[in-house]
Amino acid sequence: MAPESADKGGAVDRVTSIKEDIMTEIEDGIQRLQRLIEAYKSQKAWNENPYRHGLVNGLILALAIVEDIEPEFMTSKDYLCEKRRGN
């Protein structure tokens, strides 16, 4: 095996390792966003004022962008339904 062929194998291994590290960081970031969204939703405070409502919807948008899905925003209607159920 020529030295340059061995070097290409090492480069491929490094690229693969970097790619795996990046994917792990992305997955960790997605999990953190999901936990933040759930925390805000569970506090029932997300609709107390426009700032908190916008904050939770901004987090939902960020997660949707990263996951490449349509966001499901929280609306005042969602809040009223939760209140009626006693949640």
N, C-alpha and C. Protein backbone atom coordinates (compact mmCIF):
# COMPACT_ATOMS: atom_id res chain seq x y z
N MET A 1 0.85 -1.18 0.00
CA MET A 1 0.00 0.00 0.00
C MET A 1 0.89 1.24 0.00
N ALA A 2 0.59 2.15 -0.90
CA ALA A 2 1.36 3.38 -1.00
C ALA A 2 1.05 4.28 0.19
N PRO A 3 2.03 5.08 0.62
CA PRO A 3 1.82 5.97 1.77
C PRO A 3 0.62 6.90 1.59
N GLU A 4 0.42 7.41 0.36
CA GLU A 4 -0.71 8.32 0.18
C GLU A 4 -2.05 7.61 0.32
N SER A 5 -2.13 6.32 0.00
CA SER A 5 -3.36 5.56 0.19
C SER A 5 -3.66 5.41 1.68
N ALA A 6 -2.63 5.17 2.47
CA ALA A 6 -2.82 5.03 3.91
C ALA A 6 -3.29 6.36 4.50
N ASP A 7 -2.75 7.47 3.98
CA ASP A 7 -3.15 8.79 4.46
C ASP A 7 -4.60 9.07 4.14
N LYS A 8 -5.07 8.64 2.97
CA LYS A 8 -6.48 8.85 2.60
C LYS A 8 -7.39 8.10 3.56
N GLY A 9 -6.99 6.91 3.97
CA GLY A 9 -7.78 6.15 4.93
C GLY A 9 -7.88 6.86 6.26
N GLY A 10 -6.77 7.46 6.70
CA GLY A 10 -6.77 8.23 7.94
C GLY A 10 -7.64 9.46 7.85
N ALA A 11 -7.62 10.10 6.68
CA ALA A 11 -8.44 11.30 6.47
C ALA A 11 -9.92 10.93 6.50
N VAL A 12 -10.25 9.82 5.89
CA VAL A 12 -11.64 9.37 5.88
C VAL A 12 -12.10 9.08 7.31
N ASP A 13 -11.24 8.44 8.09
CA ASP A 13 -11.58 8.14 9.49
C ASP A 13 -11.81 9.43 10.28
N ARG A 14 -10.96 10.44 10.05
CA ARG A 14 -11.11 11.73 10.75
C ARG A 14 -12.42 12.41 10.36
N VAL A 15 -12.72 12.39 9.07
CA VAL A 15 -13.96 13.01 8.59
C VAL A 15 -15.17 12.29 9.19
N THR A 16 -15.11 10.97 9.20
CA THR A 16 -16.20 10.18 9.78
C THR A 16 -16.38 10.50 11.26
N SER A 17 -15.28 10.63 11.98
CA SER A 17 -15.33 10.95 13.40
C SER A 17 -15.93 12.34 13.63
N ILE A 18 -15.51 13.30 12.83
CA ILE A 18 -16.04 14.67 12.95
C ILE A 18 -17.54 14.68 12.64
N LYS A 19 -17.93 13.95 11.61
CA LYS A 19 -19.34 13.87 11.21
C LYS A 19 -20.18 13.27 12.34
N GLU A 20 -19.68 12.22 12.98
CA GLU A 20 -20.39 11.60 14.10
C GLU A 20 -20.52 12.57 15.27
N ASP A 21 -19.44 13.33 15.54
CA ASP A 21 -19.48 14.32 16.63
C ASP A 21 -20.52 15.40 16.35
N ILE A 22 -20.58 15.86 15.12
CA ILE A 22 -21.55 16.89 14.74
C ILE A 22 -22.97 16.36 14.89
N MET A 23 -23.21 15.14 14.43
CA MET A 23 -24.55 14.56 14.54
C MET A 23 -24.96 14.40 16.00
N THR A 24 -24.02 14.02 16.85
CA THR A 24 -24.31 13.88 18.28
C THR A 24 -24.68 15.24 18.87
N GLU A 25 -23.95 16.28 18.50
CA GLU A 25 -24.26 17.63 18.99
C GLU A 25 -25.63 18.10 18.50
N ILE A 26 -25.96 17.81 17.27
CA ILE A 26 -27.27 18.19 16.73
C ILE A 26 -28.38 17.45 17.48
N GLU A 27 -28.21 16.15 17.70
CA GLU A 27 -29.21 15.37 18.42
C GLU A 27 -29.37 15.87 19.85
N ASP A 28 -28.26 16.23 20.49
CA ASP A 28 -28.31 16.78 21.85
C ASP A 28 -29.06 18.12 21.86
N GLY A 29 -28.81 18.94 20.86
CA GLY A 29 -29.49 20.23 20.76
C GLY A 29 -30.99 20.06 20.56
N ILE A 30 -31.37 19.09 19.75
CA ILE A 30 -32.79 18.80 19.53
C ILE A 30 -33.44 18.37 20.85
N GLN A 31 -32.78 17.51 21.58
CA GLN A 31 -33.32 17.05 22.86
C GLN A 31 -33.46 18.21 23.85
N ARG A 32 -32.47 19.11 23.87
CA ARG A 32 -32.55 20.27 24.76
C ARG A 32 -33.73 21.17 24.39
N LEU A 33 -33.93 21.40 23.09
CA LEU A 33 -35.07 22.21 22.65
C LEU A 33 -36.39 21.54 23.04
N GLN A 34 -36.48 20.22 22.86
CA GLN A 34 -37.70 19.51 23.23
C GLN A 34 -37.98 19.64 24.73
N ARG A 35 -36.95 19.51 25.55
CA ARG A 35 -37.13 19.64 27.00
C ARG A 35 -37.55 21.05 27.38
N LEU A 36 -36.95 22.06 26.74
CA LEU A 36 -37.34 23.45 27.02
C LEU A 36 -38.81 23.70 26.67
N ILE A 37 -39.21 23.22 25.52
CA ILE A 37 -40.60 23.41 25.08
C ILE A 37 -41.55 22.74 26.07
N GLU A 38 -41.26 21.52 26.44
CA GLU A 38 -42.11 20.80 27.39
C GLU A 38 -42.14 21.50 28.74
N ALA A 39 -41.00 22.03 29.18
CA ALA A 39 -40.95 22.74 30.45
C ALA A 39 -41.85 23.98 30.41
N TYR A 40 -41.77 24.75 29.34
CA TYR A 40 -42.61 25.94 29.23
C TYR A 40 -44.08 25.58 29.14
N LYS A 41 -44.39 24.53 28.38
CA LYS A 41 -45.78 24.13 28.24
C LYS A 41 -46.33 23.62 29.58
N SER A 42 -45.54 22.91 30.33
CA SER A 42 -46.01 22.34 31.59
C SER A 42 -46.20 23.40 32.67
N GLN A 43 -45.52 24.53 32.55
CA GLN A 43 -45.64 25.60 33.54
C GLN A 43 -46.97 26.34 33.42
N LYS A 44 -47.65 26.14 32.34
CA LYS A 44 -48.92 26.82 32.07
C LYS A 44 -48.79 28.34 32.06
N ALA A 45 -47.58 28.82 32.05
CA ALA A 45 -47.36 30.27 32.08
C ALA A 45 -47.10 30.82 30.68
N TRP A 46 -47.05 29.93 29.69
CA TRP A 46 -46.66 30.39 28.35
C TRP A 46 -47.66 31.37 27.75
N ASN A 47 -48.88 31.38 28.24
CA ASN A 47 -49.87 32.28 27.65
C ASN A 47 -50.26 33.41 28.59
N GLU A 48 -49.49 33.61 29.66
CA GLU A 48 -49.80 34.68 30.60
C GLU A 48 -49.54 36.07 30.02
N ASN A 49 -48.59 36.14 29.11
CA ASN A 49 -48.32 37.43 28.48
C ASN A 49 -47.73 37.17 27.09
N PRO A 50 -47.74 38.19 26.24
CA PRO A 50 -47.26 38.01 24.87
C PRO A 50 -45.79 37.56 24.79
N TYR A 51 -44.97 38.00 25.74
CA TYR A 51 -43.56 37.61 25.71
C TYR A 51 -43.42 36.09 25.84
N ARG A 52 -44.04 35.52 26.85
CA ARG A 52 -43.92 34.07 27.06
C ARG A 52 -44.57 33.28 25.94
N HIS A 53 -45.68 33.78 25.44
CA HIS A 53 -46.34 33.12 24.31
C HIS A 53 -45.40 33.10 23.10
N GLY A 54 -44.79 34.23 22.82
CA GLY A 54 -43.84 34.32 21.72
C GLY A 54 -42.60 33.47 21.95
N LEU A 55 -42.16 33.41 23.19
CA LEU A 55 -40.97 32.61 23.52
C LEU A 55 -41.20 31.13 23.23
N VAL A 56 -42.31 30.59 23.72
CA VAL A 56 -42.56 29.16 23.49
C VAL A 56 -42.77 28.89 21.99
N ASN A 57 -43.44 29.79 21.29
CA ASN A 57 -43.62 29.59 19.85
C ASN A 57 -42.30 29.74 19.09
N GLY A 58 -41.41 30.59 19.58
CA GLY A 58 -40.08 30.70 18.97
C GLY A 58 -39.27 29.42 19.15
N LEU A 59 -39.37 28.82 20.33
CA LEU A 59 -38.69 27.53 20.56
C LEU A 59 -39.28 26.43 19.66
N ILE A 60 -40.60 26.44 19.53
CA ILE A 60 -41.26 25.47 18.65
C ILE A 60 -40.79 25.66 17.21
N LEU A 61 -40.67 26.91 16.78
CA LEU A 61 -40.19 27.19 15.42
C LEU A 61 -38.75 26.71 15.24
N ALA A 62 -37.89 26.99 16.21
CA ALA A 62 -36.49 26.56 16.12
C ALA A 62 -36.40 25.04 15.98
N LEU A 63 -37.17 24.32 16.78
CA LEU A 63 -37.17 22.86 16.72
C LEU A 63 -37.67 22.38 15.36
N ALA A 64 -38.72 23.00 14.86
CA ALA A 64 -39.28 22.61 13.56
C ALA A 64 -38.27 22.82 12.43
N ILE A 65 -37.52 23.91 12.51
CA ILE A 65 -36.50 24.19 11.49
C ILE A 65 -35.42 23.12 11.52
N VAL A 66 -34.94 22.79 12.71
CA VAL A 66 -33.87 21.80 12.83
C VAL A 66 -34.36 20.41 12.38
N GLU A 67 -35.60 20.09 12.74
CA GLU A 67 -36.14 18.77 12.38
C GLU A 67 -36.74 18.75 10.97
N ASP A 68 -36.82 19.90 10.31
CA ASP A 68 -37.38 20.04 8.97
C ASP A 68 -38.83 19.53 8.93
N ILE A 69 -39.63 20.06 9.88
CA ILE A 69 -41.06 19.72 9.95
C ILE A 69 -41.86 21.01 10.06
N GLU A 70 -43.17 20.89 9.89
CA GLU A 70 -44.05 22.04 10.08
C GLU A 70 -44.23 22.29 11.58
N PRO A 71 -44.07 23.52 12.03
CA PRO A 71 -44.26 23.80 13.46
C PRO A 71 -45.73 23.73 13.86
N GLU A 72 -45.97 23.29 15.08
CA GLU A 72 -47.31 23.28 15.64
C GLU A 72 -47.32 24.29 16.79
N PHE A 73 -47.63 25.52 16.45
CA PHE A 73 -47.57 26.61 17.40
C PHE A 73 -48.66 26.50 18.47
N MET A 74 -48.35 27.05 19.63
CA MET A 74 -49.32 27.14 20.71
C MET A 74 -50.20 28.36 20.42
N THR A 75 -51.50 28.20 20.60
CA THR A 75 -52.42 29.30 20.38
C THR A 75 -53.18 29.57 21.68
N SER A 76 -53.85 30.69 21.72
CA SER A 76 -54.68 30.99 22.89
C SER A 76 -55.76 29.93 23.06
N LYS A 77 -56.24 29.39 21.96
CA LYS A 77 -57.25 28.33 22.00
C LYS A 77 -56.69 27.11 22.75
N ASP A 78 -55.42 26.75 22.50
CA ASP A 78 -54.79 25.63 23.20
C ASP A 78 -54.80 25.87 24.70
N TYR A 79 -54.49 27.09 25.07
CA TYR A 79 -54.43 27.45 26.49
C TYR A 79 -55.81 27.33 27.14
N LEU A 80 -56.83 27.84 26.46
CA LEU A 80 -58.18 27.79 27.01
C LEU A 80 -58.67 26.35 27.14
N CYS A 81 -58.33 25.50 26.19
CA CYS A 81 -58.72 24.08 26.26
C CYS A 81 -58.04 23.41 27.45
N GLU A 82 -56.77 23.71 27.67
CA GLU A 82 -56.05 23.14 28.82
C GLU A 82 -56.68 23.63 30.12
N LYS A 83 -57.05 24.90 30.18
CA LYS A 83 -57.65 25.45 31.39
C LYS A 83 -58.98 24.77 31.69
N ARG A 84 -59.77 24.53 30.66
CA ARG A 84 -61.07 23.89 30.86
C ARG A 84 -60.91 22.46 31.36
N ARG A 85 -59.85 21.78 30.91
CA ARG A 85 -59.61 20.41 31.35
C ARG A 85 -59.02 20.37 32.75
N GLY A 86 -58.63 21.52 33.25
CA GLY A 86 -58.04 21.60 34.59
C GLY A 86 -56.57 21.27 34.64
N ASN A 87 -55.89 21.34 33.51
CA ASN A 87 -54.43 21.05 33.45
C ASN A 87 -53.63 22.29 33.76
